[in-house]
Amino acid sequence: MKISAAVKNISGNHRVVVETNQHKQTLSIASKPSGFGSSVNGGELLLLALATCFCNDIYREAGKRNIAVSGVEVTVTGEFGAEGEPGSNFQYNAHVISDAPAAAIEDLINYTDRVAEIHNTLRKGVSVSLMKG
């Protein structure tokens, strides 16, 4: 699966496009009041990526287990310090709404935590390279 994200910002015009396997979607994110840059910071989007991944994966894994899920709530927190410092203390809480037995939901949450791709990418550590040219 090939995934990309792009930002184009020109005074007062902020455009965000994400793409998976040649399926493009535009996200509505405003520019800063000054017109330059995004009104949402990268840390917020990183934590949103973790929340989104876990939410989507709960539904995927519940479907494999024939567990009906009527709702998912995921809250992710983290801390960022001075400029240039990496984030730390990333934690999340998930609540799954389902009529399934509590033990089945707890097992679903724990399993999903082990297979969530964005979580595992950060847990493993990943190189990020600046492409020149």
N, C-alpha and C. Protein backbone atom coordinates (compact mmCIF):
# COMPACT_ATOMS: atom_id res chain seq x y z
N MET A 1 0.86 -1.16 0.00
CA MET A 1 0.00 0.00 0.00
C MET A 1 0.91 1.23 0.00
N LYS A 2 0.79 2.07 -0.99
CA LYS A 2 1.57 3.30 -1.11
C LYS A 2 0.74 4.46 -0.58
N ILE A 3 1.26 5.18 0.41
CA ILE A 3 0.55 6.29 1.04
C ILE A 3 1.41 7.53 0.94
N SER A 4 0.77 8.68 0.69
CA SER A 4 1.49 9.94 0.70
C SER A 4 0.60 11.04 1.26
N ALA A 5 1.24 12.11 1.69
CA ALA A 5 0.54 13.30 2.16
C ALA A 5 1.30 14.50 1.65
N ALA A 6 0.58 15.54 1.25
CA ALA A 6 1.21 16.74 0.74
C ALA A 6 0.52 17.98 1.28
N VAL A 7 1.34 19.00 1.53
CA VAL A 7 0.86 20.30 1.97
C VAL A 7 1.39 21.34 1.00
N LYS A 8 0.52 22.24 0.57
CA LYS A 8 0.94 23.37 -0.24
C LYS A 8 0.35 24.61 0.42
N ASN A 9 1.22 25.54 0.82
CA ASN A 9 0.77 26.74 1.51
C ASN A 9 1.33 27.97 0.81
N ILE A 10 0.42 28.80 0.37
CA ILE A 10 0.76 30.09 -0.23
C ILE A 10 -0.15 31.10 0.44
N SER A 11 0.39 32.17 0.92
CA SER A 11 -0.32 33.20 1.67
C SER A 11 -1.85 33.07 1.65
N GLY A 12 -2.40 32.55 2.75
CA GLY A 12 -3.85 32.45 2.91
C GLY A 12 -4.49 31.25 2.25
N ASN A 13 -3.72 30.46 1.56
CA ASN A 13 -4.28 29.27 0.88
C ASN A 13 -3.50 28.05 1.37
N HIS A 14 -4.17 27.20 2.12
CA HIS A 14 -3.54 26.00 2.68
C HIS A 14 -4.25 24.78 2.10
N ARG A 15 -3.52 23.96 1.38
CA ARG A 15 -4.11 22.78 0.73
C ARG A 15 -3.42 21.52 1.26
N VAL A 16 -4.24 20.55 1.68
CA VAL A 16 -3.74 19.28 2.20
C VAL A 16 -4.36 18.16 1.37
N VAL A 17 -3.50 17.31 0.84
CA VAL A 17 -3.96 16.16 0.05
C VAL A 17 -3.29 14.90 0.59
N VAL A 18 -4.10 13.88 0.84
CA VAL A 18 -3.58 12.57 1.23
C VAL A 18 -3.94 11.59 0.13
N GLU A 19 -3.14 10.55 -0.01
CA GLU A 19 -3.37 9.58 -1.08
C GLU A 19 -2.96 8.19 -0.62
N THR A 20 -3.81 7.22 -0.92
CA THR A 20 -3.51 5.81 -0.70
C THR A 20 -3.82 5.06 -1.98
N ASN A 21 -2.81 4.38 -2.51
CA ASN A 21 -2.98 3.60 -3.75
C ASN A 21 -3.72 4.39 -4.83
N GLN A 22 -3.26 5.59 -5.09
CA GLN A 22 -3.79 6.46 -6.14
C GLN A 22 -5.21 6.98 -5.88
N HIS A 23 -5.71 6.84 -4.66
CA HIS A 23 -6.99 7.42 -4.27
C HIS A 23 -6.71 8.68 -3.46
N LYS A 24 -6.92 9.86 -4.06
CA LYS A 24 -6.63 11.13 -3.43
C LYS A 24 -7.84 11.70 -2.71
N GLN A 25 -7.57 12.34 -1.57
CA GLN A 25 -8.60 13.04 -0.82
C GLN A 25 -8.01 14.37 -0.33
N THR A 26 -8.83 15.40 -0.37
CA THR A 26 -8.42 16.70 0.15
C THR A 26 -8.99 16.86 1.55
N LEU A 27 -8.17 17.29 2.49
CA LEU A 27 -8.61 17.54 3.85
C LEU A 27 -8.72 19.05 4.05
N SER A 28 -9.73 19.46 4.77
CA SER A 28 -9.94 20.88 5.02
C SER A 28 -9.22 21.28 6.31
N ILE A 29 -8.08 21.93 6.15
CA ILE A 29 -7.33 22.49 7.28
C ILE A 29 -6.98 23.92 6.90
N ALA A 30 -7.39 24.84 7.71
CA ALA A 30 -7.16 26.25 7.41
C ALA A 30 -5.69 26.62 7.61
N SER A 31 -5.30 27.73 7.00
CA SER A 31 -3.97 28.28 7.28
C SER A 31 -4.03 29.04 8.60
N LYS A 32 -2.86 29.37 9.13
CA LYS A 32 -2.80 30.19 10.34
C LYS A 32 -3.44 31.55 10.05
N PRO A 33 -3.87 32.26 11.08
CA PRO A 33 -4.45 33.59 10.86
C PRO A 33 -3.55 34.53 10.03
N SER A 34 -2.23 34.34 10.14
CA SER A 34 -1.30 35.16 9.37
C SER A 34 -1.34 34.80 7.88
N GLY A 35 -1.92 33.62 7.57
CA GLY A 35 -1.96 33.13 6.19
C GLY A 35 -0.82 32.22 5.84
N PHE A 36 0.19 32.16 6.70
CA PHE A 36 1.37 31.35 6.41
C PHE A 36 1.45 30.17 7.37
N GLY A 37 1.47 28.96 6.83
CA GLY A 37 1.53 27.75 7.64
C GLY A 37 0.14 27.22 7.95
N SER A 38 0.12 26.10 8.64
CA SER A 38 -1.12 25.39 8.96
C SER A 38 -1.62 25.77 10.34
N SER A 39 -2.95 25.86 10.48
CA SER A 39 -3.55 26.15 11.79
C SER A 39 -3.46 24.95 12.73
N VAL A 40 -3.12 23.80 12.19
CA VAL A 40 -2.95 22.57 12.98
C VAL A 40 -1.48 22.22 12.95
N ASN A 41 -0.92 21.86 14.11
CA ASN A 41 0.51 21.54 14.10
C ASN A 41 0.76 20.06 13.86
N GLY A 42 1.99 19.74 13.53
CA GLY A 42 2.37 18.36 13.21
C GLY A 42 2.17 17.40 14.36
N GLY A 43 2.41 17.86 15.58
CA GLY A 43 2.18 17.00 16.75
C GLY A 43 0.73 16.59 16.86
N GLU A 44 -0.17 17.54 16.62
CA GLU A 44 -1.60 17.23 16.66
C GLU A 44 -1.95 16.21 15.58
N LEU A 45 -1.38 16.38 14.40
CA LEU A 45 -1.67 15.44 13.31
C LEU A 45 -1.07 14.07 13.58
N LEU A 46 0.11 14.03 14.20
CA LEU A 46 0.71 12.75 14.55
C LEU A 46 -0.18 12.00 15.54
N LEU A 47 -0.67 12.70 16.55
CA LEU A 47 -1.55 12.05 17.53
C LEU A 47 -2.88 11.66 16.90
N LEU A 48 -3.36 12.48 15.96
CA LEU A 48 -4.58 12.13 15.23
C LEU A 48 -4.35 10.86 14.40
N ALA A 49 -3.16 10.71 13.83
CA ALA A 49 -2.85 9.50 13.07
C ALA A 49 -2.93 8.27 13.96
N LEU A 50 -2.43 8.37 15.18
CA LEU A 50 -2.52 7.24 16.12
C LEU A 50 -3.98 6.94 16.46
N ALA A 51 -4.76 7.97 16.75
CA ALA A 51 -6.17 7.78 17.09
C ALA A 51 -6.95 7.19 15.93
N THR A 52 -6.70 7.71 14.73
CA THR A 52 -7.41 7.24 13.53
C THR A 52 -7.06 5.79 13.23
N CYS A 53 -5.78 5.46 13.32
CA CYS A 53 -5.35 4.08 13.06
C CYS A 53 -6.04 3.11 14.01
N PHE A 54 -6.01 3.44 15.31
CA PHE A 54 -6.61 2.52 16.28
C PHE A 54 -8.11 2.39 16.05
N CYS A 55 -8.79 3.49 15.80
CA CYS A 55 -10.23 3.46 15.53
C CYS A 55 -10.54 2.55 14.35
N ASN A 56 -9.87 2.78 13.23
CA ASN A 56 -10.12 1.98 12.03
C ASN A 56 -9.79 0.51 12.26
N ASP A 57 -8.69 0.25 12.96
CA ASP A 57 -8.28 -1.13 13.21
C ASP A 57 -9.22 -1.87 14.14
N ILE A 58 -9.83 -1.16 15.09
CA ILE A 58 -10.84 -1.80 15.95
C ILE A 58 -11.98 -2.35 15.10
N TYR A 59 -12.49 -1.54 14.18
CA TYR A 59 -13.57 -2.01 13.31
C TYR A 59 -13.11 -3.18 12.44
N ARG A 60 -11.89 -3.10 11.92
CA ARG A 60 -11.36 -4.18 11.08
C ARG A 60 -11.27 -5.49 11.87
N GLU A 61 -10.67 -5.41 13.05
CA GLU A 61 -10.47 -6.63 13.85
C GLU A 61 -11.78 -7.14 14.44
N ALA A 62 -12.69 -6.25 14.78
CA ALA A 62 -14.01 -6.67 15.27
C ALA A 62 -14.75 -7.43 14.18
N GLY A 63 -14.64 -6.96 12.95
CA GLY A 63 -15.28 -7.65 11.83
C GLY A 63 -14.76 -9.06 11.65
N LYS A 64 -13.46 -9.25 11.83
CA LYS A 64 -12.86 -10.58 11.72
C LYS A 64 -13.38 -11.52 12.81
N ARG A 65 -13.77 -10.95 13.95
CA ARG A 65 -14.25 -11.74 15.08
C ARG A 65 -15.78 -11.78 15.16
N ASN A 66 -16.44 -11.19 14.18
CA ASN A 66 -17.90 -11.09 14.19
C ASN A 66 -18.43 -10.41 15.45
N ILE A 67 -17.72 -9.37 15.88
CA ILE A 67 -18.17 -8.56 17.01
C ILE A 67 -18.78 -7.28 16.45
N ALA A 68 -20.01 -7.02 16.81
CA ALA A 68 -20.67 -5.79 16.37
C ALA A 68 -20.21 -4.63 17.25
N VAL A 69 -19.63 -3.62 16.62
CA VAL A 69 -19.17 -2.42 17.33
C VAL A 69 -19.99 -1.25 16.80
N SER A 70 -20.62 -0.52 17.72
CA SER A 70 -21.44 0.62 17.30
C SER A 70 -20.73 1.95 17.48
N GLY A 71 -19.58 1.95 18.13
CA GLY A 71 -18.84 3.20 18.28
C GLY A 71 -17.47 2.97 18.89
N VAL A 72 -16.56 3.89 18.59
CA VAL A 72 -15.20 3.85 19.13
C VAL A 72 -14.80 5.28 19.49
N GLU A 73 -14.22 5.44 20.65
CA GLU A 73 -13.66 6.73 21.07
C GLU A 73 -12.20 6.50 21.43
N VAL A 74 -11.31 7.27 20.84
CA VAL A 74 -9.88 7.14 21.11
C VAL A 74 -9.33 8.53 21.40
N THR A 75 -8.62 8.66 22.51
CA THR A 75 -7.95 9.90 22.87
C THR A 75 -6.47 9.61 23.03
N VAL A 76 -5.63 10.38 22.33
CA VAL A 76 -4.19 10.20 22.38
C VAL A 76 -3.57 11.48 22.92
N THR A 77 -2.62 11.34 23.83
CA THR A 77 -1.90 12.49 24.36
C THR A 77 -0.40 12.27 24.20
N GLY A 78 0.33 13.35 24.19
CA GLY A 78 1.78 13.30 24.11
C GLY A 78 2.33 14.64 24.53
N GLU A 79 3.64 14.68 24.69
CA GLU A 79 4.29 15.91 25.10
C GLU A 79 5.40 16.26 24.12
N PHE A 80 5.52 17.54 23.83
CA PHE A 80 6.59 18.05 22.99
C PHE A 80 7.26 19.19 23.74
N GLY A 81 8.59 19.21 23.72
CA GLY A 81 9.34 20.24 24.45
C GLY A 81 9.81 21.34 23.53
N ALA A 82 11.07 21.63 23.63
CA ALA A 82 11.68 22.72 22.85
C ALA A 82 11.76 22.35 21.38
N GLU A 83 11.96 23.37 20.55
CA GLU A 83 12.11 23.15 19.11
C GLU A 83 13.20 22.12 18.86
N GLY A 84 12.91 21.18 17.96
CA GLY A 84 13.88 20.16 17.59
C GLY A 84 13.88 18.92 18.46
N GLU A 85 13.22 18.96 19.61
CA GLU A 85 13.17 17.79 20.48
C GLU A 85 12.04 16.85 20.04
N PRO A 86 12.28 15.55 20.09
CA PRO A 86 11.21 14.61 19.73
C PRO A 86 10.13 14.59 20.81
N GLY A 87 8.95 14.13 20.42
CA GLY A 87 7.86 13.98 21.36
C GLY A 87 8.13 12.83 22.32
N SER A 88 7.39 12.82 23.43
CA SER A 88 7.55 11.76 24.42
C SER A 88 6.23 11.53 25.14
N ASN A 89 6.22 10.49 25.95
CA ASN A 89 5.07 10.18 26.81
C ASN A 89 3.77 10.07 26.02
N PHE A 90 3.81 9.36 24.89
CA PHE A 90 2.61 9.15 24.10
C PHE A 90 1.77 8.07 24.79
N GLN A 91 0.52 8.37 25.04
CA GLN A 91 -0.40 7.44 25.68
C GLN A 91 -1.76 7.57 25.02
N TYR A 92 -2.53 6.49 25.08
CA TYR A 92 -3.88 6.61 24.54
C TYR A 92 -4.85 5.78 25.34
N ASN A 93 -6.11 6.18 25.21
CA ASN A 93 -7.22 5.51 25.87
C ASN A 93 -8.26 5.23 24.80
N ALA A 94 -8.82 4.04 24.85
CA ALA A 94 -9.84 3.67 23.87
C ALA A 94 -11.08 3.13 24.58
N HIS A 95 -12.21 3.52 24.06
CA HIS A 95 -13.49 3.02 24.56
C HIS A 95 -14.26 2.47 23.36
N VAL A 96 -14.65 1.21 23.45
CA VAL A 96 -15.38 0.56 22.37
C VAL A 96 -16.81 0.32 22.83
N ILE A 97 -17.76 0.77 22.02
CA ILE A 97 -19.18 0.60 22.34
C ILE A 97 -19.68 -0.63 21.61
N SER A 98 -20.11 -1.62 22.39
CA SER A 98 -20.55 -2.89 21.83
C SER A 98 -21.37 -3.65 22.86
N ASP A 99 -22.25 -4.51 22.37
CA ASP A 99 -23.01 -5.37 23.26
C ASP A 99 -22.27 -6.67 23.56
N ALA A 100 -21.08 -6.83 23.00
CA ALA A 100 -20.29 -8.05 23.23
C ALA A 100 -19.85 -8.09 24.69
N PRO A 101 -19.55 -9.29 25.20
CA PRO A 101 -19.07 -9.40 26.59
C PRO A 101 -17.81 -8.56 26.82
N ALA A 102 -17.69 -8.03 28.03
CA ALA A 102 -16.56 -7.16 28.38
C ALA A 102 -15.22 -7.83 28.10
N ALA A 103 -15.11 -9.12 28.38
CA ALA A 103 -13.85 -9.83 28.15
C ALA A 103 -13.49 -9.87 26.66
N ALA A 104 -14.50 -10.01 25.81
CA ALA A 104 -14.26 -10.03 24.36
C ALA A 104 -13.79 -8.67 23.87
N ILE A 105 -14.36 -7.60 24.41
CA ILE A 105 -13.96 -6.25 24.03
C ILE A 105 -12.55 -5.96 24.54
N GLU A 106 -12.25 -6.36 25.75
CA GLU A 106 -10.89 -6.15 26.29
C GLU A 106 -9.86 -6.90 25.44
N ASP A 107 -10.18 -8.12 25.04
CA ASP A 107 -9.28 -8.88 24.18
C ASP A 107 -9.13 -8.21 22.81
N LEU A 108 -10.23 -7.69 22.27
CA LEU A 108 -10.20 -6.98 21.00
C LEU A 108 -9.30 -5.75 21.09
N ILE A 109 -9.45 -4.97 22.14
CA ILE A 109 -8.63 -3.77 22.33
C ILE A 109 -7.15 -4.15 22.47
N ASN A 110 -6.85 -5.15 23.27
CA ASN A 110 -5.45 -5.56 23.48
C ASN A 110 -4.83 -6.09 22.19
N TYR A 111 -5.59 -6.88 21.44
CA TYR A 111 -5.07 -7.41 20.18
C TYR A 111 -4.84 -6.28 19.18
N THR A 112 -5.80 -5.38 19.09
CA THR A 112 -5.68 -4.26 18.15
C THR A 112 -4.47 -3.40 18.51
N ASP A 113 -4.20 -3.22 19.78
CA ASP A 113 -3.01 -2.49 20.20
C ASP A 113 -1.74 -3.15 19.67
N ARG A 114 -1.72 -4.46 19.60
CA ARG A 114 -0.53 -5.18 19.13
C ARG A 114 -0.37 -5.12 17.62
N VAL A 115 -1.46 -4.93 16.86
CA VAL A 115 -1.36 -4.97 15.39
C VAL A 115 -1.55 -3.60 14.72
N ALA A 116 -1.84 -2.57 15.47
CA ALA A 116 -2.06 -1.24 14.88
C ALA A 116 -0.76 -0.76 14.21
N GLU A 117 -0.84 -0.53 12.92
CA GLU A 117 0.36 -0.27 12.11
C GLU A 117 1.07 1.04 12.48
N ILE A 118 0.34 2.09 12.70
CA ILE A 118 0.98 3.37 13.03
C ILE A 118 1.65 3.27 14.40
N HIS A 119 0.99 2.63 15.34
CA HIS A 119 1.57 2.42 16.67
C HIS A 119 2.87 1.62 16.56
N ASN A 120 2.82 0.54 15.78
CA ASN A 120 4.01 -0.31 15.65
C ASN A 120 5.13 0.40 14.90
N THR A 121 4.79 1.27 13.98
CA THR A 121 5.81 2.05 13.27
C THR A 121 6.56 2.94 14.26
N LEU A 122 5.83 3.63 15.12
CA LEU A 122 6.48 4.50 16.10
C LEU A 122 7.22 3.69 17.16
N ARG A 123 6.66 2.58 17.58
CA ARG A 123 7.31 1.74 18.59
C ARG A 123 8.64 1.19 18.08
N LYS A 124 8.67 0.86 16.81
CA LYS A 124 9.89 0.31 16.20
C LYS A 124 10.92 1.40 15.96
N GLY A 125 10.44 2.56 15.68
CA GLY A 125 11.33 3.64 15.25
C GLY A 125 11.48 3.54 13.74
N VAL A 126 11.53 4.63 13.07
CA VAL A 126 11.57 4.62 11.62
C VAL A 126 12.49 5.74 11.16
N SER A 127 13.24 5.49 10.10
CA SER A 127 14.08 6.56 9.58
C SER A 127 13.23 7.49 8.72
N VAL A 128 13.54 8.76 8.78
CA VAL A 128 12.88 9.75 7.94
C VAL A 128 13.99 10.45 7.18
N SER A 129 13.94 10.38 5.86
CA SER A 129 15.01 10.92 5.02
C SER A 129 14.52 12.09 4.21
N LEU A 130 15.34 13.13 4.13
CA LEU A 130 15.07 14.27 3.27
C LEU A 130 15.58 13.91 1.88
N MET A 131 14.68 13.91 0.90
CA MET A 131 15.08 13.63 -0.48
C MET A 131 15.49 14.95 -1.12
N LYS A 132 16.64 14.97 -1.72
CA LYS A 132 17.13 16.19 -2.33
C LYS A 132 16.91 16.13 -3.83
N GLY A 133 16.53 17.26 -4.39
CA GLY A 133 16.41 17.34 -5.84
C GLY A 133 15.03 17.32 -6.25
